[in-house]
């Protein structure tokens, strides 16, 4: 099935300045542990017609004759520029067009060594694969623009790692995303002073991933006097760089929206280096991530992030900084003043999106600005004061909400686990604010709030203890049932 898809050589057509052709590793065994049937209809495939063997042949044994491309890139890692990067344990398997018209990548993780592996083995631990499958599905179902996993295959090798009990089991994963072109892809070209390749890559990115940006209008010469005409009767844009300015402005907005989605979801990516930032504004590459247990802006997910550079609360500022670093290569084709003007809007884009997402989590489709500001501020204040579970607060709000709240403020969040916080003024203030908003709403609107609360706030939260419990069953007893049950709850938004 996968071998006969209509693959497009979109990135491949750019030439060898951007990648190296590589071969996949051969593995001693292939056990399909996860297949994402939800993605198959997007590829015009019927899940019931795609066998496990189809997955293994394509994404475990890597049969077929397609060239596999290890992409070249650099990046700022913890603020320091690193020119010794690139796809070290993965490659671009192929690109396909979905039925929605968008171009998608199949990208591997754990598929063997490449010229950029350095001293590493190019493999992925099974636990790392399990964690990424769970993260991608959880984020997708929380409304985050994210890559997803198409398959996870256990490969039978024993790996040694410093941050896991070793030897540990191995796997190879297929990531399904809109693009694997990173901020660092452009940064590498700037490092080598290749403005021509930056422009070529940028044209490709705009054509494939920013189709709403109008291309320059072609001109033709004709007529007896050799007059110049505009094809389609349209006036040409003032300058080709207008397209590039539009691109950067839209990327700023996409990244601001993305980080707002992370923050509302209570998600800490953990390693926001520029090589982990997609040029499409999509979230991907989940290593030591974590969902916050309580509202704590200083929460840091990676044990090696000693100074909290990538802590939960600093994510908006880091993403803005990454966009600022991207200006260095893009300055070859985009005026600096235009990029500065676009980046200056990042904070506004971020906050308006974050506020709207949080208002939605609180059950409302829209609120007047003053009410939205007050309710959001009081929500954050209570979460900070109480240190109640971040996800538990919203899940309990969804479970306890009742139409009677409009008539009696005393019924609002009056059950466990809120009883222990009844003496806190921040809870009383929150109740009063929520109660006053409900006064102006009809019964039908209250029913819409109840529905929205359940849709936006699932009971299942992907906290570390939940992941460790699932992994413990796999590691100790090879019991995959808890993993599949957790996935089902995530995908059903239970």
Foldseek 3Di string as FASTA:
>chain_A
DVQPQDFDCLVVVLDDVWWDFDDFDAFPDKDWQDADQVCQVQSVHHVVPQDPVNCCVCFPRNDYDDTWTWTQFWWQFPNRTGRLATLAQKTFSTWHATPVRAIKTWMKQQGAGDPSNVPHTSWAFPLQVLVQQVVQLLLVLLPAQAKHWRTKIWRPDFPDDPVDPGRGTTIMTIIIHRDLAFLRSLVNCVVVPNLVSNVVVLVSCCVRQVVVQDAFFDWDFDDPVRDIATVPRDDGDPDRLVSVLVLLLVQLLLLLLNLLSCLLQQKQQQTPIRSQHDSNSHHDDRGQIFRDFFDDQQAHRDPPPVPSCRGSNCPLVVSLVSSVVSVSSVVSRHPPVSNVVSSVCNVVSNVVSNLQLNVLLQQDNDDPPVLSVQLVVLVSVCRVVVVHTPLVVLQVQLVQQDPCLLVDLCSRVVDPPCVVVPPPVSVVSNSVSVNVVSPPDDPVSSVSSSVSSLSNRAPDDPGPVLSVVQVCCCVPPVDNVSSVVSSVCSNVSD
